């Protein structure tokens, strides 16, 4: 029996560290087009804007982390 959820993960960002010592960043997002029917037009546009802005900020975080790691590797040589 399927249980109806009251929330959905629309956007997430993870930092993963594996056993080999590799650091991985991962951003996942959900296509919200299918959710449009559940919102008023104003709510849907607000959600789209928030997801767009959050994605841009997460990209900035990702680029910063990547540049820090790259500079650390270059300094250790």
C-alpha atoms as a PDB file:
ATOM      1  CA  UNK A   1       0.000   0.000   0.000  1.00  0.00           C
ATOM      2  CA  UNK A   2       1.403   3.390  -1.015  1.00  0.00           C
ATOM      3  CA  UNK A   3       1.499   6.097   1.571  1.00  0.00           C
ATOM      4  CA  UNK A   4       0.801   9.673   0.483  1.00  0.00           C
ATOM      5  CA  UNK A   5       3.645  11.937   1.415  1.00  0.00           C
ATOM      6  CA  UNK A   6       3.117  15.430   2.722  1.00  0.00           C
ATOM      7  CA  UNK A   7       6.430  16.765   1.488  1.00  0.00           C
ATOM      8  CA  UNK A   8       8.835  16.292  -1.391  1.00  0.00           C
ATOM      9  CA  UNK A   9      12.534  16.938  -1.746  1.00  0.00           C
ATOM     10  CA  UNK A  10      12.805  19.437  -4.573  1.00  0.00           C
ATOM     11  CA  UNK A  11      16.462  20.371  -4.327  1.00  0.00           C
ATOM     12  CA  UNK A  12      19.373  18.937  -2.375  1.00  0.00           C
ATOM     13  CA  UNK A  13      23.140  19.259  -2.159  1.00  0.00           C
ATOM     14  CA  UNK A  14      25.459  16.667  -0.661  1.00  0.00           C
ATOM     15  CA  UNK A  15      29.130  16.389   0.119  1.00  0.00           C
ATOM     16  CA  UNK A  16      30.220  12.759  -0.011  1.00  0.00           C
ATOM     17  CA  UNK A  17      33.540  11.262   1.014  1.00  0.00           C
ATOM     18  CA  UNK A  18      34.304   7.736  -0.155  1.00  0.00           C
ATOM     19  CA  UNK A  19      36.717   5.113   1.202  1.00  0.00           C
ATOM     20  CA  UNK A  20      39.362   5.950  -1.397  1.00  0.00           C
ATOM     21  CA  UNK A  21      39.553   9.534  -0.080  1.00  0.00           C
ATOM     22  CA  UNK A  22      37.607  11.090  -2.915  1.00  0.00           C
ATOM     23  CA  UNK A  23      35.352  14.065  -2.130  1.00  0.00           C
ATOM     24  CA  UNK A  24      32.230  14.235  -4.273  1.00  0.00           C
ATOM     25  CA  UNK A  25      29.639  16.994  -4.486  1.00  0.00           C
ATOM     26  CA  UNK A  26      26.173  16.140  -5.684  1.00  0.00           C
ATOM     27  CA  UNK A  27      23.229  18.387  -6.493  1.00  0.00           C
ATOM     28  CA  UNK A  28      19.859  16.859  -7.274  1.00  0.00           C
ATOM     29  CA  UNK A  29      16.726  18.659  -8.328  1.00  0.00           C
ATOM     30  CA  UNK A  30      13.193  17.698  -9.221  1.00  0.00           C
ATOM     31  CA  UNK A  31      11.353  18.761 -12.337  1.00  0.00           C
ATOM     32  CA  UNK A  32       8.432  20.644 -10.806  1.00  0.00           C
ATOM     33  CA  UNK A  33       6.339  20.887 -13.995  1.00  0.00           C
ATOM     34  CA  UNK A  34       4.275  17.912 -12.850  1.00  0.00           C
ATOM     35  CA  UNK A  35       3.507  19.692  -9.574  1.00  0.00           C
ATOM     36  CA  UNK A  36       2.022  22.768 -11.209  1.00  0.00           C
ATOM     37  CA  UNK A  37      -1.549  21.427 -10.942  1.00  0.00           C
ATOM     38  CA  UNK A  38      -1.270  21.369  -7.139  1.00  0.00           C
ATOM     39  CA  UNK A  39      -0.440  25.078  -6.772  1.00  0.00           C
ATOM     40  CA  UNK A  40      -2.025  28.386  -7.563  1.00  0.00           C
ATOM     41  CA  UNK A  41      -0.252  30.200 -10.419  1.00  0.00           C
ATOM     42  CA  UNK A  42       1.345  32.581  -7.914  1.00  0.00           C
ATOM     43  CA  UNK A  43       2.592  29.735  -5.685  1.00  0.00           C
ATOM     44  CA  UNK A  44       4.006  27.865  -8.669  1.00  0.00           C
ATOM     45  CA  UNK A  45       5.889  30.917  -9.971  1.00  0.00           C
ATOM     46  CA  UNK A  46       7.248  31.577  -6.485  1.00  0.00           C
ATOM     47  CA  UNK A  47       8.438  27.968  -6.244  1.00  0.00           C
ATOM     48  CA  UNK A  48      10.106  28.167  -9.665  1.00  0.00           C
ATOM     49  CA  UNK A  49      11.888  31.366  -8.655  1.00  0.00           C
ATOM     50  CA  UNK A  50      13.075  29.915  -5.352  1.00  0.00           C
ATOM     51  CA  UNK A  51      14.406  26.771  -7.017  1.00  0.00           C
ATOM     52  CA  UNK A  52      16.179  28.820  -9.705  1.00  0.00           C
ATOM     53  CA  UNK A  53      17.807  31.099  -7.115  1.00  0.00           C
ATOM     54  CA  UNK A  54      18.764  28.215  -4.820  1.00  0.00           C
ATOM     55  CA  UNK A  55      20.299  26.326  -7.753  1.00  0.00           C
ATOM     56  CA  UNK A  56      22.437  29.351  -8.638  1.00  0.00           C
ATOM     57  CA  UNK A  57      23.621  29.665  -5.039  1.00  0.00           C
ATOM     58  CA  UNK A  58      24.432  25.947  -4.817  1.00  0.00           C
ATOM     59  CA  UNK A  59      26.429  26.239  -8.039  1.00  0.00           C
ATOM     60  CA  UNK A  60      28.396  29.056  -6.387  1.00  0.00           C
ATOM     61  CA  UNK A  61      29.077  26.845  -3.348  1.00  0.00           C
ATOM     62  CA  UNK A  62      30.121  23.972  -5.613  1.00  0.00           C
ATOM     63  CA  UNK A  63      32.528  26.182  -7.573  1.00  0.00           C
ATOM     64  CA  UNK A  64      34.031  27.559  -4.359  1.00  0.00           C
ATOM     65  CA  UNK A  65      34.601  24.081  -2.915  1.00  0.00           C
ATOM     66  CA  UNK A  66      36.097  22.908  -6.189  1.00  0.00           C
ATOM     67  CA  UNK A  67      38.495  25.867  -6.353  1.00  0.00           C
ATOM     68  CA  UNK A  68      39.590  25.291  -2.741  1.00  0.00           C
ATOM     69  CA  UNK A  69      40.314  21.637  -3.476  1.00  0.00           C
ATOM     70  CA  UNK A  70      42.175  22.486  -6.685  1.00  0.00           C
ATOM     71  CA  UNK A  71      44.367  25.037  -4.928  1.00  0.00           C
ATOM     72  CA  UNK A  72      45.118  22.568  -2.128  1.00  0.00           C
ATOM     73  CA  UNK A  73      46.227  19.934  -4.621  1.00  0.00           C
ATOM     74  CA  UNK A  74      48.429  22.439  -6.478  1.00  0.00           C
ATOM     75  CA  UNK A  75      50.106  23.584  -3.242  1.00  0.00           C
ATOM     76  CA  UNK A  76      50.934  20.039  -2.182  1.00  0.00           C
ATOM     77  CA  UNK A  77      53.045  19.311  -5.297  1.00  0.00           C
END
